[in-house]
Amino acid sequence: MNSEKPNTEQEFKDVMAECRTLFVKKLHDYSASWRILRPQSLTDQLFIKAKRIRSIEIKHCSKIDEGIRPEFIALINYGIIGLIQLEKGFTDTVDISNDEAINLYDRFANEALQLMLKKNHDYDEAWRSMRVSSYTDFILTKIQRVKELEDINGNALVSEGIDANYMDIINYAVFGAIKTYDK
C-alpha cells in the first residue's frame, strides 16, 4: 500500500495542464469562438455539463461513450472562459488572438490554484473525504447562484459575485477530475 501523502497542489496542476492542453487544441481548431457567448449562454453551457454529470451519477450509465471526467474537464475550461468573458465582455466577432486567449487562460488558472491553496489550507484537505456527487451538487448550486445574479444584473446585497462562483466551479471540478482519474 502506498503511504505517501497526496500532493494536492501537484494533482491540481496536473489536471490544469490536461485542461490547458485541450483548451489550446480547441483554440487551434476553432480560435476563440467562445468570445461570442453572452453570459447567460455560458451559464447554460456550464449547466448542461453539470446536469450530464448528475444524470450519469444517478442513472449509473450513459449512452454516450464518455464518462463524467470529461465533463469535469469541460466545466474547468468553461469556468475559465467565463472569467475571461466577465473581464472582457462578449463580442460579435473573435477579437483576441490565440496567444492572448492562452495568456488569459493561464492567469485565471493560476488564480484558481492560489484560491484552492488558501481554502485547502483552511479546510485541511476536507475535499478528499467528500463524495464526487457532492462536487456535482455544489457546482449545480453555484450555477444556480450565477443565474440568480445574472437575473438581478449582479446587484447582490451580501453575496459573492459571479467571478467567485466561477472560481468555486473550477475548483470543485478539479477535485472531481482528480477523484475520477483512472489510475
N, C-alpha and C. Protein backbone atom coordinates (compact mmCIF):
# COMPACT_ATOMS: atom_id res chain seq x y z
N MET A 1 0.84 -1.19 0.00
CA MET A 1 0.00 0.00 0.00
C MET A 1 0.87 1.25 0.00
N ASN A 2 0.49 2.23 -0.79
CA ASN A 2 1.24 3.46 -0.90
C ASN A 2 0.85 4.38 0.26
N SER A 3 1.80 4.67 1.15
CA SER A 3 1.52 5.52 2.30
C SER A 3 1.93 6.97 2.06
N GLU A 4 2.36 7.26 0.86
CA GLU A 4 2.78 8.60 0.52
C GLU A 4 1.59 9.55 0.56
N LYS A 5 1.76 10.69 1.21
CA LYS A 5 0.69 11.68 1.32
C LYS A 5 0.43 12.31 -0.04
N PRO A 6 -0.83 12.39 -0.44
CA PRO A 6 -1.14 13.02 -1.74
C PRO A 6 -0.70 14.48 -1.76
N ASN A 7 -0.29 14.94 -2.93
CA ASN A 7 0.15 16.31 -3.10
C ASN A 7 -0.93 17.05 -3.88
N THR A 8 -1.81 17.72 -3.17
CA THR A 8 -2.95 18.38 -3.78
C THR A 8 -2.51 19.42 -4.80
N GLU A 9 -1.50 20.20 -4.48
CA GLU A 9 -1.05 21.23 -5.41
C GLU A 9 -0.60 20.61 -6.73
N GLN A 10 0.17 19.53 -6.66
CA GLN A 10 0.65 18.90 -7.89
C GLN A 10 -0.51 18.25 -8.65
N GLU A 11 -1.41 17.59 -7.94
CA GLU A 11 -2.56 16.98 -8.61
C GLU A 11 -3.40 18.05 -9.31
N PHE A 12 -3.58 19.18 -8.65
CA PHE A 12 -4.32 20.29 -9.23
C PHE A 12 -3.61 20.77 -10.50
N LYS A 13 -2.31 20.97 -10.42
CA LYS A 13 -1.53 21.43 -11.57
C LYS A 13 -1.60 20.42 -12.71
N ASP A 14 -1.58 19.13 -12.40
CA ASP A 14 -1.65 18.10 -13.43
C ASP A 14 -3.00 18.17 -14.17
N VAL A 15 -4.08 18.32 -13.42
CA VAL A 15 -5.40 18.43 -14.06
C VAL A 15 -5.47 19.70 -14.90
N MET A 16 -4.96 20.80 -14.35
CA MET A 16 -5.00 22.05 -15.10
C MET A 16 -4.15 21.97 -16.37
N ALA A 17 -3.05 21.25 -16.34
CA ALA A 17 -2.22 21.07 -17.53
C ALA A 17 -3.00 20.29 -18.59
N GLU A 18 -3.72 19.27 -18.16
CA GLU A 18 -4.57 18.50 -19.08
C GLU A 18 -5.65 19.40 -19.69
N CYS A 19 -6.27 20.23 -18.85
CA CYS A 19 -7.30 21.15 -19.34
C CYS A 19 -6.72 22.16 -20.32
N ARG A 20 -5.55 22.68 -20.00
CA ARG A 20 -4.90 23.67 -20.86
C ARG A 20 -4.58 23.06 -22.22
N THR A 21 -4.08 21.84 -22.22
CA THR A 21 -3.76 21.16 -23.49
C THR A 21 -5.01 21.07 -24.36
N LEU A 22 -6.12 20.68 -23.79
CA LEU A 22 -7.37 20.61 -24.54
C LEU A 22 -7.80 21.99 -25.02
N PHE A 23 -7.70 22.99 -24.15
CA PHE A 23 -8.05 24.36 -24.50
C PHE A 23 -7.24 24.84 -25.70
N VAL A 24 -5.92 24.60 -25.68
CA VAL A 24 -5.04 25.03 -26.77
C VAL A 24 -5.41 24.31 -28.07
N LYS A 25 -5.71 23.01 -27.99
CA LYS A 25 -6.11 22.27 -29.19
C LYS A 25 -7.41 22.81 -29.76
N LYS A 26 -8.36 23.12 -28.89
CA LYS A 26 -9.63 23.67 -29.38
C LYS A 26 -9.45 25.08 -29.94
N LEU A 27 -8.53 25.85 -29.35
CA LEU A 27 -8.21 27.16 -29.92
C LEU A 27 -7.68 27.00 -31.34
N HIS A 28 -6.84 26.02 -31.54
CA HIS A 28 -6.31 25.75 -32.87
C HIS A 28 -7.44 25.48 -33.86
N ASP A 29 -8.39 24.64 -33.43
CA ASP A 29 -9.49 24.23 -34.31
C ASP A 29 -10.53 25.33 -34.53
N TYR A 30 -10.86 26.06 -33.47
CA TYR A 30 -12.00 27.00 -33.53
C TYR A 30 -11.64 28.45 -33.26
N SER A 31 -10.40 28.74 -32.95
CA SER A 31 -9.96 30.02 -32.40
C SER A 31 -10.81 30.33 -31.17
N ALA A 32 -10.89 31.57 -30.77
CA ALA A 32 -11.63 31.94 -29.55
C ALA A 32 -13.10 32.21 -29.89
N SER A 33 -13.73 31.27 -30.58
CA SER A 33 -15.13 31.45 -31.00
C SER A 33 -16.06 31.67 -29.81
N TRP A 34 -15.67 31.21 -28.64
CA TRP A 34 -16.46 31.41 -27.42
C TRP A 34 -16.58 32.87 -27.02
N ARG A 35 -15.79 33.76 -27.62
CA ARG A 35 -15.90 35.19 -27.31
C ARG A 35 -17.30 35.73 -27.63
N ILE A 36 -18.03 35.03 -28.48
CA ILE A 36 -19.37 35.44 -28.89
C ILE A 36 -20.42 35.11 -27.81
N LEU A 37 -20.10 34.20 -26.91
CA LEU A 37 -21.07 33.77 -25.90
C LEU A 37 -21.44 34.90 -24.94
N ARG A 38 -22.74 35.14 -24.83
CA ARG A 38 -23.23 36.06 -23.81
C ARG A 38 -23.19 35.34 -22.46
N PRO A 39 -23.17 36.09 -21.36
CA PRO A 39 -23.04 35.45 -20.04
C PRO A 39 -24.08 34.35 -19.79
N GLN A 40 -25.33 34.59 -20.15
CA GLN A 40 -26.37 33.60 -19.89
C GLN A 40 -26.14 32.32 -20.69
N SER A 41 -25.64 32.44 -21.89
CA SER A 41 -25.35 31.25 -22.70
C SER A 41 -24.21 30.44 -22.11
N LEU A 42 -23.21 31.12 -21.60
CA LEU A 42 -22.09 30.44 -20.96
C LEU A 42 -22.58 29.72 -19.69
N THR A 43 -23.44 30.38 -18.94
CA THR A 43 -24.01 29.75 -17.75
C THR A 43 -24.79 28.50 -18.13
N ASP A 44 -25.56 28.57 -19.21
CA ASP A 44 -26.32 27.40 -19.65
C ASP A 44 -25.39 26.28 -20.12
N GLN A 45 -24.25 26.62 -20.72
CA GLN A 45 -23.28 25.60 -21.12
C GLN A 45 -22.72 24.90 -19.88
N LEU A 46 -22.38 25.66 -18.86
CA LEU A 46 -21.93 25.06 -17.61
C LEU A 46 -23.03 24.16 -17.03
N PHE A 47 -24.26 24.64 -17.09
CA PHE A 47 -25.40 23.90 -16.55
C PHE A 47 -25.56 22.53 -17.23
N ILE A 48 -25.50 22.50 -18.56
CA ILE A 48 -25.72 21.20 -19.23
C ILE A 48 -24.58 20.22 -18.94
N LYS A 49 -23.37 20.72 -18.77
CA LYS A 49 -22.25 19.83 -18.43
C LYS A 49 -22.47 19.24 -17.03
N ALA A 50 -22.83 20.09 -16.07
CA ALA A 50 -23.04 19.61 -14.70
C ALA A 50 -24.27 18.70 -14.61
N LYS A 51 -25.32 19.02 -15.35
CA LYS A 51 -26.51 18.16 -15.35
C LYS A 51 -26.19 16.79 -15.93
N ARG A 52 -25.34 16.73 -16.94
CA ARG A 52 -24.97 15.42 -17.51
C ARG A 52 -24.22 14.60 -16.47
N ILE A 53 -23.33 15.24 -15.73
CA ILE A 53 -22.62 14.51 -14.67
C ILE A 53 -23.63 13.95 -13.67
N ARG A 54 -24.54 14.79 -13.22
CA ARG A 54 -25.53 14.35 -12.24
C ARG A 54 -26.40 13.22 -12.78
N SER A 55 -26.79 13.33 -14.04
CA SER A 55 -27.60 12.30 -14.67
C SER A 55 -26.88 10.95 -14.69
N ILE A 56 -25.60 10.98 -15.05
CA ILE A 56 -24.81 9.74 -15.08
C ILE A 56 -24.64 9.19 -13.66
N GLU A 57 -24.42 10.08 -12.70
CA GLU A 57 -24.29 9.62 -11.31
C GLU A 57 -25.56 8.94 -10.82
N ILE A 58 -26.70 9.47 -11.19
CA ILE A 58 -27.98 8.92 -10.74
C ILE A 58 -28.34 7.65 -11.49
N LYS A 59 -28.14 7.65 -12.80
CA LYS A 59 -28.52 6.50 -13.64
C LYS A 59 -27.46 5.40 -13.65
N HIS A 60 -26.24 5.73 -13.25
CA HIS A 60 -25.12 4.80 -13.25
C HIS A 60 -24.76 4.28 -14.64
N CYS A 61 -25.11 5.03 -15.66
CA CYS A 61 -24.71 4.67 -17.02
C CYS A 61 -24.92 5.88 -17.92
N SER A 62 -24.30 5.81 -19.09
CA SER A 62 -24.51 6.85 -20.10
C SER A 62 -24.60 6.19 -21.46
N LYS A 63 -25.32 6.82 -22.36
CA LYS A 63 -25.45 6.29 -23.71
C LYS A 63 -24.42 6.89 -24.66
N ILE A 64 -23.74 7.92 -24.20
CA ILE A 64 -22.63 8.49 -24.95
C ILE A 64 -21.36 7.92 -24.32
N ASP A 65 -20.45 7.48 -25.14
CA ASP A 65 -19.27 6.77 -24.65
C ASP A 65 -18.23 7.73 -24.05
N GLU A 66 -18.67 8.50 -23.08
CA GLU A 66 -17.78 9.36 -22.30
C GLU A 66 -18.30 9.35 -20.88
N GLY A 67 -17.41 9.26 -19.94
CA GLY A 67 -17.82 9.28 -18.55
C GLY A 67 -17.96 10.69 -18.02
N ILE A 68 -17.91 10.82 -16.71
CA ILE A 68 -18.10 12.14 -16.11
C ILE A 68 -16.82 12.97 -16.09
N ARG A 69 -15.67 12.33 -16.12
CA ARG A 69 -14.42 13.10 -16.05
C ARG A 69 -14.28 14.12 -17.18
N PRO A 70 -14.58 13.77 -18.44
CA PRO A 70 -14.50 14.78 -19.49
C PRO A 70 -15.43 15.97 -19.25
N GLU A 71 -16.53 15.74 -18.57
CA GLU A 71 -17.45 16.85 -18.25
C GLU A 71 -16.86 17.75 -17.17
N PHE A 72 -16.15 17.16 -16.19
CA PHE A 72 -15.44 17.98 -15.20
C PHE A 72 -14.38 18.83 -15.90
N ILE A 73 -13.67 18.24 -16.86
CA ILE A 73 -12.66 18.99 -17.61
C ILE A 73 -13.32 20.14 -18.37
N ALA A 74 -14.46 19.87 -18.98
CA ALA A 74 -15.20 20.93 -19.69
C ALA A 74 -15.64 22.03 -18.74
N LEU A 75 -16.10 21.66 -17.54
CA LEU A 75 -16.51 22.66 -16.56
C LEU A 75 -15.35 23.57 -16.18
N ILE A 76 -14.16 22.98 -16.04
CA ILE A 76 -12.98 23.78 -15.72
C ILE A 76 -12.71 24.78 -16.84
N ASN A 77 -12.68 24.30 -18.08
CA ASN A 77 -12.37 25.19 -19.19
C ASN A 77 -13.45 26.24 -19.40
N TYR A 78 -14.72 25.85 -19.31
CA TYR A 78 -15.78 26.85 -19.44
C TYR A 78 -15.79 27.82 -18.27
N GLY A 79 -15.40 27.36 -17.08
CA GLY A 79 -15.29 28.27 -15.95
C GLY A 79 -14.24 29.34 -16.20
N ILE A 80 -13.11 28.93 -16.76
CA ILE A 80 -12.06 29.91 -17.08
C ILE A 80 -12.53 30.82 -18.21
N ILE A 81 -13.19 30.26 -19.20
CA ILE A 81 -13.76 31.10 -20.27
C ILE A 81 -14.73 32.12 -19.67
N GLY A 82 -15.52 31.69 -18.70
CA GLY A 82 -16.44 32.60 -18.03
C GLY A 82 -15.72 33.76 -17.37
N LEU A 83 -14.60 33.48 -16.72
CA LEU A 83 -13.82 34.55 -16.09
C LEU A 83 -13.26 35.51 -17.14
N ILE A 84 -12.82 34.96 -18.26
CA ILE A 84 -12.33 35.81 -19.34
C ILE A 84 -13.46 36.69 -19.86
N GLN A 85 -14.62 36.09 -20.07
CA GLN A 85 -15.77 36.84 -20.58
C GLN A 85 -16.21 37.93 -19.60
N LEU A 86 -16.16 37.63 -18.30
CA LEU A 86 -16.51 38.66 -17.31
C LEU A 86 -15.57 39.86 -17.42
N GLU A 87 -14.30 39.57 -17.61
CA GLU A 87 -13.32 40.65 -17.69
C GLU A 87 -13.44 41.43 -19.00
N LYS A 88 -13.60 40.73 -20.11
CA LYS A 88 -13.54 41.37 -21.42
C LYS A 88 -14.91 41.70 -22.01
N GLY A 89 -15.96 41.07 -21.50
CA GLY A 89 -17.28 41.24 -22.12
C GLY A 89 -17.37 40.38 -23.37
N PHE A 90 -18.59 40.17 -23.84
CA PHE A 90 -18.77 39.36 -25.06
C PHE A 90 -18.72 40.28 -26.27
N THR A 91 -18.49 39.68 -27.44
CA THR A 91 -18.41 40.44 -28.68
C THR A 91 -19.20 39.71 -29.77
N ASP A 92 -19.29 40.33 -30.91
CA ASP A 92 -19.95 39.70 -32.05
C ASP A 92 -18.96 39.00 -32.98
N THR A 93 -17.68 39.17 -32.69
CA THR A 93 -16.64 38.54 -33.51
C THR A 93 -15.52 38.06 -32.59
N VAL A 94 -14.68 37.22 -33.11
CA VAL A 94 -13.49 36.80 -32.37
C VAL A 94 -12.50 37.96 -32.42
N ASP A 95 -12.23 38.52 -31.25
CA ASP A 95 -11.43 39.75 -31.18
C ASP A 95 -10.12 39.59 -30.44
N ILE A 96 -9.75 38.35 -30.10
CA ILE A 96 -8.46 38.14 -29.45
C ILE A 96 -7.71 37.03 -30.18
N SER A 97 -6.41 37.11 -30.11
CA SER A 97 -5.58 36.08 -30.73
C SER A 97 -5.55 34.84 -29.83
N ASN A 98 -5.12 33.75 -30.39
CA ASN A 98 -4.96 32.54 -29.60
C ASN A 98 -3.95 32.75 -28.47
N ASP A 99 -2.88 33.48 -28.76
CA ASP A 99 -1.87 33.75 -27.73
C ASP A 99 -2.46 34.55 -26.58
N GLU A 100 -3.28 35.56 -26.88
CA GLU A 100 -3.91 36.34 -25.82
C GLU A 100 -4.88 35.47 -25.02
N ALA A 101 -5.63 34.62 -25.71
CA ALA A 101 -6.55 33.72 -25.02
C ALA A 101 -5.79 32.79 -24.07
N ILE A 102 -4.66 32.27 -24.52
CA ILE A 102 -3.86 31.37 -23.68
C ILE A 102 -3.29 32.13 -22.48
N ASN A 103 -2.83 33.35 -22.69
CA ASN A 103 -2.31 34.14 -21.57
C ASN A 103 -3.39 34.41 -20.53
N LEU A 104 -4.59 34.74 -20.99
CA LEU A 104 -5.71 34.95 -20.06
C LEU A 104 -6.06 33.65 -19.35
N TYR A 105 -6.08 32.56 -20.10
CA TYR A 105 -6.36 31.24 -19.52
C TYR A 105 -5.37 30.96 -18.39
N ASP A 106 -4.08 31.15 -18.68
CA ASP A 106 -3.04 30.86 -17.69
C ASP A 106 -3.20 31.73 -16.45
N ARG A 107 -3.54 32.98 -16.64
CA ARG A 107 -3.71 33.88 -15.49
C ARG A 107 -4.84 33.40 -14.59
N PHE A 108 -5.99 33.09 -15.19
CA PHE A 108 -7.13 32.66 -14.38
C PHE A 108 -6.92 31.27 -13.79
N ALA A 109 -6.22 30.39 -14.50
CA ALA A 109 -5.90 29.07 -13.95
C ALA A 109 -5.02 29.23 -12.71
N ASN A 110 -4.07 30.13 -12.78
CA ASN A 110 -3.21 30.39 -11.63
C ASN A 110 -4.00 30.99 -10.47
N GLU A 111 -4.93 31.90 -10.76
CA GLU A 111 -5.77 32.47 -9.70
C GLU A 111 -6.60 31.38 -9.04
N ALA A 112 -7.11 30.44 -9.83
CA ALA A 112 -7.88 29.33 -9.26
C ALA A 112 -6.99 28.47 -8.36
N LEU A 113 -5.77 28.22 -8.79
CA LEU A 113 -4.82 27.45 -7.98
C LEU A 113 -4.56 28.16 -6.66
N GLN A 114 -4.29 29.45 -6.71
CA GLN A 114 -3.99 30.20 -5.49
C GLN A 114 -5.17 30.19 -4.53
N LEU A 115 -6.38 30.33 -5.06
CA LEU A 115 -7.58 30.26 -4.22
C LEU A 115 -7.71 28.88 -3.58
N MET A 116 -7.51 27.84 -4.38
CA MET A 116 -7.60 26.47 -3.85
C MET A 116 -6.59 26.27 -2.73
N LEU A 117 -5.37 26.73 -2.91
CA LEU A 117 -4.35 26.55 -1.89
C LEU A 117 -4.75 27.22 -0.57
N LYS A 118 -5.31 28.41 -0.66
CA LYS A 118 -5.76 29.12 0.56
C LYS A 118 -6.90 28.37 1.23
N LYS A 119 -7.89 27.99 0.42
CA LYS A 119 -9.05 27.29 1.00
C LYS A 119 -8.65 25.91 1.51
N ASN A 120 -7.80 25.22 0.77
CA ASN A 120 -7.39 23.89 1.19
C ASN A 120 -6.61 23.95 2.50
N HIS A 121 -5.85 25.01 2.69
CA HIS A 121 -5.16 25.20 3.97
C HIS A 121 -6.18 25.31 5.10
N ASP A 122 -7.18 26.15 4.90
CA ASP A 122 -8.17 26.38 5.96
C ASP A 122 -9.08 25.18 6.18
N TYR A 123 -9.43 24.47 5.12
CA TYR A 123 -10.34 23.33 5.23
C TYR A 123 -9.61 22.01 5.43
N ASP A 124 -8.28 22.05 5.40
CA ASP A 124 -7.45 20.90 5.74
C ASP A 124 -7.79 19.64 4.94
N GLU A 125 -7.80 19.78 3.61
CA GLU A 125 -7.99 18.62 2.72
C GLU A 125 -9.35 17.95 2.85
N ALA A 126 -10.35 18.67 3.35
CA ALA A 126 -11.68 18.09 3.54
C ALA A 126 -12.25 17.53 2.23
N TRP A 127 -11.88 18.12 1.11
CA TRP A 127 -12.41 17.69 -0.18
C TRP A 127 -12.11 16.21 -0.45
N ARG A 128 -11.03 15.71 0.10
CA ARG A 128 -10.65 14.32 -0.14
C ARG A 128 -11.65 13.34 0.48
N SER A 129 -12.36 13.76 1.51
CA SER A 129 -13.34 12.89 2.18
C SER A 129 -14.75 13.07 1.61
N MET A 130 -14.90 13.98 0.70
CA MET A 130 -16.22 14.23 0.10
C MET A 130 -16.49 13.24 -1.03
N ARG A 131 -17.75 13.03 -1.31
CA ARG A 131 -18.17 12.22 -2.44
C ARG A 131 -18.12 13.08 -3.70
N VAL A 132 -17.81 12.46 -4.82
CA VAL A 132 -17.79 13.17 -6.11
C VAL A 132 -19.16 13.77 -6.39
N SER A 133 -20.22 13.07 -6.02
CA SER A 133 -21.57 13.58 -6.25
C SER A 133 -21.81 14.90 -5.51
N SER A 134 -21.12 15.10 -4.40
CA SER A 134 -21.25 16.39 -3.70
C SER A 134 -20.64 17.52 -4.51
N TYR A 135 -19.51 17.25 -5.16
CA TYR A 135 -18.92 18.29 -6.02
C TYR A 135 -19.94 18.68 -7.09
N THR A 136 -20.59 17.68 -7.67
CA THR A 136 -21.59 17.94 -8.71
C THR A 136 -22.70 18.81 -8.17
N ASP A 137 -23.22 18.47 -7.01
CA ASP A 137 -24.31 19.25 -6.43
C ASP A 137 -23.86 20.67 -6.09
N PHE A 138 -22.65 20.80 -5.57
CA PHE A 138 -22.14 22.14 -5.26
C PHE A 138 -21.95 22.96 -6.53
N ILE A 139 -21.48 22.33 -7.60
CA ILE A 139 -21.33 23.02 -8.88
C ILE A 139 -22.69 23.47 -9.39
N LEU A 140 -23.68 22.59 -9.34
CA LEU A 140 -25.03 22.97 -9.78
C LEU A 140 -25.59 24.11 -8.93
N THR A 141 -25.30 24.11 -7.64
CA THR A 141 -25.73 25.20 -6.76
C THR A 141 -25.06 26.51 -7.17
N LYS A 142 -23.77 26.45 -7.45
CA LYS A 142 -23.04 27.65 -7.88
C LYS A 142 -23.59 28.17 -9.21
N ILE A 143 -23.92 27.27 -10.12
CA ILE A 143 -24.50 27.69 -11.40
C ILE A 143 -25.86 28.35 -11.16
N GLN A 144 -26.67 27.80 -10.27
CA GLN A 144 -27.96 28.42 -9.95
C GLN A 144 -27.74 29.81 -9.36
N ARG A 145 -26.75 29.95 -8.53
CA ARG A 145 -26.44 31.28 -7.96
C ARG A 145 -26.03 32.25 -9.06
N VAL A 146 -25.23 31.78 -10.01
CA VAL A 146 -24.84 32.64 -11.13
C VAL A 146 -26.09 33.09 -11.90
N LYS A 147 -27.01 32.15 -12.15
CA LYS A 147 -28.25 32.51 -12.85
C LYS A 147 -29.01 33.59 -12.09
N GLU A 148 -29.12 33.42 -10.79
CA GLU A 148 -29.82 34.41 -9.97
C GLU A 148 -29.11 35.77 -10.04
N LEU A 149 -27.80 35.77 -9.95
CA LEU A 149 -27.04 37.02 -10.04
C LEU A 149 -27.20 37.67 -11.41
N GLU A 150 -27.22 36.84 -12.45
CA GLU A 150 -27.44 37.39 -13.80
C GLU A 150 -28.83 38.03 -13.89
N ASP A 151 -29.81 37.39 -13.27
CA ASP A 151 -31.18 37.91 -13.32
C ASP A 151 -31.33 39.25 -12.61
N ILE A 152 -30.47 39.50 -11.62
CA ILE A 152 -30.52 40.79 -10.93
C ILE A 152 -29.35 41.69 -11.34
N ASN A 153 -28.80 41.40 -12.51
CA ASN A 153 -27.71 42.19 -13.09
C ASN A 153 -26.51 42.34 -12.16
N GLY A 154 -26.25 41.30 -11.36
CA GLY A 154 -25.09 41.31 -10.49
C GLY A 154 -25.22 42.19 -9.27
N ASN A 155 -26.40 42.73 -9.02
CA ASN A 155 -26.61 43.65 -7.90
C ASN A 155 -26.89 42.90 -6.60
N ALA A 156 -25.93 42.12 -6.15
CA ALA A 156 -26.08 41.34 -4.92
C ALA A 156 -25.95 42.25 -3.70
N LEU A 157 -26.68 41.91 -2.66
CA LEU A 157 -26.59 42.68 -1.43
C LEU A 157 -25.46 42.19 -0.53
N VAL A 158 -25.33 40.88 -0.40
CA VAL A 158 -24.32 40.34 0.51
C VAL A 158 -23.52 39.19 -0.10
N SER A 159 -23.88 38.76 -1.27
CA SER A 159 -23.30 37.54 -1.84
C SER A 159 -22.04 37.83 -2.64
N GLU A 160 -21.25 36.76 -2.81
CA GLU A 160 -20.09 36.85 -3.68
C GLU A 160 -20.56 37.08 -5.11
N GLY A 161 -19.69 37.59 -5.93
CA GLY A 161 -20.05 37.85 -7.31
C GLY A 161 -19.97 36.61 -8.19
N ILE A 162 -20.29 36.82 -9.44
CA ILE A 162 -20.26 35.73 -10.42
C ILE A 162 -18.86 35.16 -10.53
N ASP A 163 -17.85 36.02 -10.49
CA ASP A 163 -16.47 35.55 -10.61
C ASP A 163 -16.10 34.57 -9.51
N ALA A 164 -16.52 34.82 -8.29
CA ALA A 164 -16.23 33.92 -7.18
C ALA A 164 -16.92 32.57 -7.38
N ASN A 165 -18.12 32.59 -7.93
CA ASN A 165 -18.83 31.35 -8.21
C ASN A 165 -18.13 30.55 -9.31
N TYR A 166 -17.64 31.24 -10.34
CA TYR A 166 -16.87 30.56 -11.39
C TYR A 166 -15.62 29.91 -10.80
N MET A 167 -14.94 30.64 -9.92
CA MET A 167 -13.73 30.08 -9.29
C MET A 167 -14.08 28.81 -8.50
N ASP A 168 -15.17 28.86 -7.76
CA ASP A 168 -15.57 27.67 -6.99
C ASP A 168 -15.94 26.52 -7.92
N ILE A 169 -16.62 26.81 -9.02
CA ILE A 169 -16.96 25.77 -10.00
C ILE A 169 -15.68 25.12 -10.53
N ILE A 170 -14.71 25.94 -10.88
CA ILE A 170 -13.44 25.42 -11.38
C ILE A 170 -12.80 24.50 -10.34
N ASN A 171 -12.73 24.97 -9.10
CA ASN A 171 -12.04 24.19 -8.07
C ASN A 171 -12.79 22.90 -7.74
N TYR A 172 -14.10 22.92 -7.64
CA TYR A 172 -14.84 21.68 -7.40
C TYR A 172 -14.67 20.73 -8.58
N ALA A 173 -14.65 21.27 -9.79
CA ALA A 173 -14.48 20.41 -10.97
C ALA A 173 -13.07 19.80 -11.00
N VAL A 174 -12.07 20.54 -10.56
CA VAL A 174 -10.72 19.97 -10.48
C VAL A 174 -10.72 18.82 -9.48
N PHE A 175 -11.36 19.01 -8.33
CA PHE A 175 -11.43 17.92 -7.36
C PHE A 175 -12.14 16.71 -7.96
N GLY A 176 -13.21 16.95 -8.69
CA GLY A 176 -13.91 15.86 -9.35
C GLY A 176 -13.03 15.15 -10.36
N ALA A 177 -12.26 15.93 -11.13
CA ALA A 177 -11.36 15.33 -12.12
C ALA A 177 -10.26 14.52 -11.43
N ILE A 178 -9.76 15.02 -10.32
CA ILE A 178 -8.72 14.28 -9.58
C ILE A 178 -9.29 12.95 -9.09
N LYS A 179 -10.47 13.01 -8.50
CA LYS A 179 -11.03 11.79 -7.89
C LYS A 179 -11.56 10.80 -8.92
N THR A 180 -11.80 11.24 -10.15
CA THR A 180 -12.31 10.32 -11.18
C THR A 180 -11.22 9.91 -12.17
N TYR A 181 -10.00 10.30 -11.89
CA TYR A 181 -8.88 9.95 -12.77
C TYR A 181 -8.66 8.45 -12.72
N ASP A 182 -8.57 7.83 -13.87
CA ASP A 182 -8.32 6.39 -13.95
C ASP A 182 -6.83 6.13 -13.76
N LYS A 183 -6.49 5.63 -12.60
CA LYS A 183 -5.06 5.39 -12.30
C LYS A 183 -4.68 3.98 -12.57
